[in-house]
Amino acid sequence: IFLGSNLEKNKIKYCRSNAPNLTIKEEAFQLLFSSNGKKAAAGLKCSVACSKQIPTTGGSSSDVVCEEGKMTKEITLGPGESFSFRTAGTEYAPKQKCIAKYKMSKECKEAKISCSKFNTIAYSQCKGDFLLVKLGKQKTKYCGTDAPDVSTKSRKFQLQFSSDKKKAGAGVEC
């Protein structure tokens, strides 16, 4: 993606499962697909929409944006509500521990957890950088490009993003 008036200077590359999810405020931008022609892959599908007004808050006040350091946020999930849990920027910061503790209201029967963007540095057994999903007493770690896509009827559940002090990846958006 090339942004702004100096398109060559302001470029952002995405590859493999690292999909962009951007709000672009620039007057001009270009999308360029490039292949080395060696090996076929699933390809891509992009959509671009024009918005009359760009949101200034970045979403709901209950959305969780994981930035540097440690943070914990508690969220009550009501019927029909949807909140995001994501890392900040195009690469997440090192040494993060970001926790979102969700509690479903009595009217909610089930919650779904899925990610539109998921790319962490993967080590053996998800040590280092990972997303931990706690559904009741069940705990599952996700890393690399192995994103969660689960439903739960548990009244309380938790998402925790953790990164070590080494390399960073593109991050998560769930």
C-alpha atoms as a PDB file:
ATOM      1  CA  ILE A   1       0.000   0.000   0.000  1.00  0.00           C
ATOM      2  CA  PHE A   2       1.402   3.367  -1.028  1.00  0.00           C
ATOM      3  CA  LEU A   3       0.111   6.389   0.935  1.00  0.00           C
ATOM      4  CA  GLY A   4      -0.024  10.159   0.363  1.00  0.00           C
ATOM      5  CA  SER A   5       1.620  12.430  -2.160  1.00  0.00           C
ATOM      6  CA  ASN A   6       5.056  10.789  -1.870  1.00  0.00           C
ATOM      7  CA  LEU A   7       3.812   7.307  -2.719  1.00  0.00           C
ATOM      8  CA  GLU A   8       7.205   5.643  -3.127  1.00  0.00           C
ATOM      9  CA  LYS A   9       8.486   6.851   0.258  1.00  0.00           C
ATOM     10  CA  ASN A  10       5.365   5.991   2.284  1.00  0.00           C
ATOM     11  CA  LYS A  11       4.802   2.338   1.453  1.00  0.00           C
ATOM     12  CA  ILE A  12       3.615  -0.461   3.709  1.00  0.00           C
ATOM     13  CA  LYS A  13       4.136  -4.113   2.703  1.00  0.00           C
ATOM     14  CA  TYR A  14       1.867  -6.970   3.703  1.00  0.00           C
ATOM     15  CA  CYS A  15       2.613 -10.609   2.955  1.00  0.00           C
ATOM     16  CA  ARG A  16       1.430 -14.095   3.821  1.00  0.00           C
ATOM     17  CA  SER A  17      -1.439 -13.922   6.321  1.00  0.00           C
ATOM     18  CA  ASN A  18      -0.567 -10.387   7.432  1.00  0.00           C
ATOM     19  CA  ALA A  19      -3.687  -8.616   6.127  1.00  0.00           C
ATOM     20  CA  PRO A  20      -4.128  -4.844   6.345  1.00  0.00           C
ATOM     21  CA  ASN A  21      -7.088  -3.382   8.188  1.00  0.00           C
ATOM     22  CA  LEU A  22      -6.584   0.351   7.809  1.00  0.00           C
ATOM     23  CA  THR A  23      -8.386   3.649   7.887  1.00  0.00           C
ATOM     24  CA  ILE A  24      -6.561   5.829   5.394  1.00  0.00           C
ATOM     25  CA  LYS A  25      -6.810   9.601   5.784  1.00  0.00           C
ATOM     26  CA  GLU A  26      -4.560  10.403   2.806  1.00  0.00           C
ATOM     27  CA  GLU A  27      -6.009  11.915  -0.375  1.00  0.00           C
ATOM     28  CA  ALA A  28      -4.176   9.382  -2.540  1.00  0.00           C
ATOM     29  CA  PHE A  29      -3.217   5.755  -2.096  1.00  0.00           C
ATOM     30  CA  GLN A  30      -2.422   2.747  -4.289  1.00  0.00           C
ATOM     31  CA  LEU A  31      -2.855  -0.972  -3.742  1.00  0.00           C
ATOM     32  CA  LEU A  32      -0.286  -3.085  -5.575  1.00  0.00           C
ATOM     33  CA  PHE A  33      -0.288  -6.891  -5.734  1.00  0.00           C
ATOM     34  CA  SER A  34       3.025  -8.470  -6.617  1.00  0.00           C
ATOM     35  CA  SER A  35       4.036 -12.109  -7.067  1.00  0.00           C
ATOM     36  CA  ASN A  36       7.421 -13.695  -7.688  1.00  0.00           C
ATOM     37  CA  GLY A  37       5.728 -16.141 -10.060  1.00  0.00           C
ATOM     38  CA  LYS A  38       7.279 -19.209  -8.432  1.00  0.00           C
ATOM     39  CA  LYS A  39       4.581 -20.730  -6.237  1.00  0.00           C
ATOM     40  CA  ALA A  40       0.806 -20.267  -6.357  1.00  0.00           C
ATOM     41  CA  ALA A  41      -1.042 -19.381  -3.157  1.00  0.00           C
ATOM     42  CA  ALA A  42      -4.632 -18.694  -2.131  1.00  0.00           C
ATOM     43  CA  GLY A  43      -4.389 -15.066  -3.218  1.00  0.00           C
ATOM     44  CA  LEU A  44      -6.180 -12.138  -1.709  1.00  0.00           C
ATOM     45  CA  LYS A  45      -9.442 -10.263  -1.587  1.00  0.00           C
ATOM     46  CA  CYS A  46      -9.467  -6.601  -0.621  1.00  0.00           C
ATOM     47  CA  SER A  47     -12.316  -4.193  -0.156  1.00  0.00           C
ATOM     48  CA  VAL A  48     -12.117  -0.420  -0.094  1.00  0.00           C
ATOM     49  CA  ALA A  49     -14.948   1.782   1.127  1.00  0.00           C
ATOM     50  CA  CYS A  50     -15.398   5.519   1.368  1.00  0.00           C
ATOM     51  CA  SER A  51     -16.466   6.878   4.717  1.00  0.00           C
ATOM     52  CA  LYS A  52     -17.975  10.338   5.102  1.00  0.00           C
ATOM     53  CA  GLN A  53     -16.578  10.663   8.596  1.00  0.00           C
ATOM     54  CA  ILE A  54     -13.460   9.051   9.984  1.00  0.00           C
ATOM     55  CA  PRO A  55     -13.930   7.878  13.567  1.00  0.00           C
ATOM     56  CA  THR A  56     -11.801   9.818  16.018  1.00  0.00           C
ATOM     57  CA  THR A  57     -11.966   7.416  18.955  1.00  0.00           C
ATOM     58  CA  GLY A  58     -10.814   4.306  17.101  1.00  0.00           C
ATOM     59  CA  GLY A  59     -13.904   2.321  18.065  1.00  0.00           C
ATOM     60  CA  SER A  60     -15.964   1.617  21.136  1.00  0.00           C
ATOM     61  CA  SER A  61     -14.702   2.737  24.532  1.00  0.00           C
ATOM     62  CA  SER A  62     -14.763  -0.941  25.500  1.00  0.00           C
ATOM     63  CA  ASP A  63     -12.458  -1.960  22.649  1.00  0.00           C
ATOM     64  CA  VAL A  64      -9.076  -3.157  23.898  1.00  0.00           C
ATOM     65  CA  VAL A  65      -5.932  -1.815  22.213  1.00  0.00           C
ATOM     66  CA  CYS A  66      -2.781  -3.466  23.538  1.00  0.00           C
ATOM     67  CA  GLU A  67       0.078  -0.998  23.699  1.00  0.00           C
ATOM     68  CA  GLU A  68       3.419  -1.110  25.504  1.00  0.00           C
ATOM     69  CA  GLY A  69       3.602  -2.514  29.025  1.00  0.00           C
ATOM     70  CA  LYS A  70       0.867  -4.159  31.057  1.00  0.00           C
ATOM     71  CA  MET A  71      -2.855  -3.477  31.117  1.00  0.00           C
ATOM     72  CA  THR A  72      -6.071  -5.180  32.199  1.00  0.00           C
ATOM     73  CA  LYS A  73      -9.568  -4.176  31.172  1.00  0.00           C
ATOM     74  CA  GLU A  74     -12.918  -5.613  32.281  1.00  0.00           C
ATOM     75  CA  ILE A  75     -15.802  -5.603  29.810  1.00  0.00           C
ATOM     76  CA  THR A  76     -19.453  -6.616  30.148  1.00  0.00           C
ATOM     77  CA  LEU A  77     -20.796  -8.028  26.916  1.00  0.00           C
ATOM     78  CA  GLY A  78     -24.473  -7.299  26.231  1.00  0.00           C
ATOM     79  CA  PRO A  79     -26.746  -8.796  23.560  1.00  0.00           C
ATOM     80  CA  GLY A  80     -25.752  -7.701  20.061  1.00  0.00           C
ATOM     81  CA  GLU A  81     -22.583  -5.967  21.272  1.00  0.00           C
ATOM     82  CA  SER A  82     -19.231  -6.529  19.630  1.00  0.00           C
ATOM     83  CA  PHE A  83     -15.840  -5.351  20.854  1.00  0.00           C
ATOM     84  CA  SER A  84     -12.370  -5.633  19.367  1.00  0.00           C
ATOM     85  CA  PHE A  85      -9.181  -6.830  21.024  1.00  0.00           C
ATOM     86  CA  ARG A  86      -6.082  -5.822  19.081  1.00  0.00           C
ATOM     87  CA  THR A  87      -2.449  -4.873  19.193  1.00  0.00           C
ATOM     88  CA  ALA A  88      -1.509  -1.291  18.313  1.00  0.00           C
ATOM     89  CA  GLY A  89       0.311  -0.238  15.144  1.00  0.00           C
ATOM     90  CA  THR A  90       1.702  -2.321  12.310  1.00  0.00           C
ATOM     91  CA  GLU A  91       3.999  -4.229  14.718  1.00  0.00           C
ATOM     92  CA  TYR A  92       3.291  -4.922  18.373  1.00  0.00           C
ATOM     93  CA  ALA A  93       5.643  -3.731  21.111  1.00  0.00           C
ATOM     94  CA  PRO A  94       7.954  -6.045  23.072  1.00  0.00           C
ATOM     95  CA  LYS A  95       7.287  -7.035  26.689  1.00  0.00           C
ATOM     96  CA  GLN A  96       3.498  -6.685  26.599  1.00  0.00           C
ATOM     97  CA  LYS A  97       0.911  -8.296  28.808  1.00  0.00           C
ATOM     98  CA  CYS A  98      -2.552  -7.163  27.799  1.00  0.00           C
ATOM     99  CA  ILE A  99      -5.629  -8.781  29.355  1.00  0.00           C
ATOM    100  CA  ALA A 100      -9.306  -8.361  28.569  1.00  0.00           C
ATOM    101  CA  LYS A 101     -11.685  -9.974  31.055  1.00  0.00           C
ATOM    102  CA  TYR A 102     -15.129 -10.427  29.518  1.00  0.00           C
ATOM    103  CA  LYS A 103     -18.340 -11.109  31.392  1.00  0.00           C
ATOM    104  CA  MET A 104     -21.501 -11.915  29.457  1.00  0.00           C
ATOM    105  CA  SER A 105     -24.719 -10.298  30.631  1.00  0.00           C
ATOM    106  CA  LYS A 106     -27.579 -12.655  31.553  1.00  0.00           C
ATOM    107  CA  GLU A 107     -29.239 -11.950  28.207  1.00  0.00           C
ATOM    108  CA  CYS A 108     -26.231 -13.271  26.232  1.00  0.00           C
ATOM    109  CA  LYS A 109     -26.293 -16.959  25.470  1.00  0.00           C
ATOM    110  CA  GLU A 110     -23.012 -17.336  23.584  1.00  0.00           C
ATOM    111  CA  ALA A 111     -19.916 -15.352  22.574  1.00  0.00           C
ATOM    112  CA  LYS A 112     -17.769 -15.885  19.477  1.00  0.00           C
ATOM    113  CA  ILE A 113     -14.045 -15.149  19.345  1.00  0.00           C
ATOM    114  CA  SER A 114     -12.422 -14.873  15.930  1.00  0.00           C
ATOM    115  CA  CYS A 115      -9.574 -12.818  14.498  1.00  0.00           C
ATOM    116  CA  SER A 116      -9.380 -10.957  11.182  1.00  0.00           C
ATOM    117  CA  LYS A 117      -5.623 -10.393  11.613  1.00  0.00           C
ATOM    118  CA  PHE A 118      -3.276 -12.762  13.419  1.00  0.00           C
ATOM    119  CA  ASN A 119       0.493 -12.901  13.084  1.00  0.00           C
ATOM    120  CA  THR A 120       2.880 -13.363  16.005  1.00  0.00           C
ATOM    121  CA  ILE A 121       6.446 -14.615  16.169  1.00  0.00           C
ATOM    122  CA  ALA A 122       6.000 -18.354  16.715  1.00  0.00           C
ATOM    123  CA  TYR A 123       8.327 -20.397  18.893  1.00  0.00           C
ATOM    124  CA  SER A 124       8.030 -24.015  19.990  1.00  0.00           C
ATOM    125  CA  GLN A 125       4.853 -24.550  22.073  1.00  0.00           C
ATOM    126  CA  CYS A 126       3.895 -20.854  21.651  1.00  0.00           C
ATOM    127  CA  LYS A 127       6.566 -19.583  24.014  1.00  0.00           C
ATOM    128  CA  GLY A 128       7.375 -15.914  23.557  1.00  0.00           C
ATOM    129  CA  ASP A 129       4.550 -14.143  21.708  1.00  0.00           C
ATOM    130  CA  PHE A 130       1.026 -15.570  21.928  1.00  0.00           C
ATOM    131  CA  LEU A 131      -2.669 -15.008  22.501  1.00  0.00           C
ATOM    132  CA  LEU A 132      -4.055 -16.966  25.445  1.00  0.00           C
ATOM    133  CA  VAL A 133      -7.793 -17.671  25.380  1.00  0.00           C
ATOM    134  CA  LYS A 134      -9.337 -18.730  28.690  1.00  0.00           C
ATOM    135  CA  LEU A 135     -12.847 -20.149  28.437  1.00  0.00           C
ATOM    136  CA  GLY A 136     -13.851 -21.112  31.975  1.00  0.00           C
ATOM    137  CA  LYS A 137     -11.088 -23.468  33.139  1.00  0.00           C
ATOM    138  CA  GLN A 138      -9.927 -24.277  29.589  1.00  0.00           C
ATOM    139  CA  LYS A 139      -6.803 -22.407  28.420  1.00  0.00           C
ATOM    140  CA  THR A 140      -5.519 -22.429  24.826  1.00  0.00           C
ATOM    141  CA  LYS A 141      -2.475 -20.612  23.422  1.00  0.00           C
ATOM    142  CA  TYR A 142      -2.427 -19.369  19.824  1.00  0.00           C
ATOM    143  CA  CYS A 143       0.661 -18.142  17.965  1.00  0.00           C
ATOM    144  CA  GLY A 144       2.143 -17.720  14.506  1.00  0.00           C
ATOM    145  CA  THR A 145      -0.828 -17.544  12.142  1.00  0.00           C
ATOM    146  CA  ASP A 146      -2.964 -20.073  14.087  1.00  0.00           C
ATOM    147  CA  ALA A 147      -5.840 -17.765  15.101  1.00  0.00           C
ATOM    148  CA  PRO A 148      -8.721 -18.679  17.414  1.00  0.00           C
ATOM    149  CA  ASP A 149     -12.182 -19.216  15.973  1.00  0.00           C
ATOM    150  CA  VAL A 150     -14.215 -20.447  18.912  1.00  0.00           C
ATOM    151  CA  SER A 151     -17.573 -19.978  20.591  1.00  0.00           C
ATOM    152  CA  THR A 152     -18.256 -20.125  24.299  1.00  0.00           C
ATOM    153  CA  LYS A 153     -21.253 -20.259  26.591  1.00  0.00           C
ATOM    154  CA  SER A 154     -19.040 -19.582  29.596  1.00  0.00           C
ATOM    155  CA  ARG A 155     -20.269 -16.434  31.403  1.00  0.00           C
ATOM    156  CA  LYS A 156     -16.674 -15.290  31.949  1.00  0.00           C
ATOM    157  CA  PHE A 157     -13.802 -15.583  29.520  1.00  0.00           C
ATOM    158  CA  GLN A 158     -10.496 -13.868  28.968  1.00  0.00           C
ATOM    159  CA  LEU A 159      -8.103 -12.892  26.172  1.00  0.00           C
ATOM    160  CA  GLN A 160      -4.456 -12.234  27.006  1.00  0.00           C
ATOM    161  CA  PHE A 161      -1.830 -11.067  24.525  1.00  0.00           C
ATOM    162  CA  SER A 162       1.769 -11.506  25.664  1.00  0.00           C
ATOM    163  CA  SER A 163       5.016 -10.701  23.886  1.00  0.00           C
ATOM    164  CA  ASP A 164       8.594 -11.310  24.920  1.00  0.00           C
ATOM    165  CA  LYS A 165      11.466  -8.848  24.599  1.00  0.00           C
ATOM    166  CA  LYS A 166      12.676 -10.263  21.271  1.00  0.00           C
ATOM    167  CA  LYS A 167      11.328  -9.777  17.721  1.00  0.00           C
ATOM    168  CA  ALA A 168       7.791  -8.489  17.101  1.00  0.00           C
ATOM    169  CA  GLY A 169       5.217  -9.562  14.532  1.00  0.00           C
ATOM    170  CA  ALA A 170       2.311  -7.814  12.825  1.00  0.00           C
ATOM    171  CA  GLY A 171      -0.053  -8.497  15.729  1.00  0.00           C
ATOM    172  CA  VAL A 172      -3.640  -9.549  16.288  1.00  0.00           C
ATOM    173  CA  GLU A 173      -7.114  -8.142  15.771  1.00  0.00           C
ATOM    174  CA  CYS A 174      -9.996 -10.168  17.190  1.00  0.00           C
END
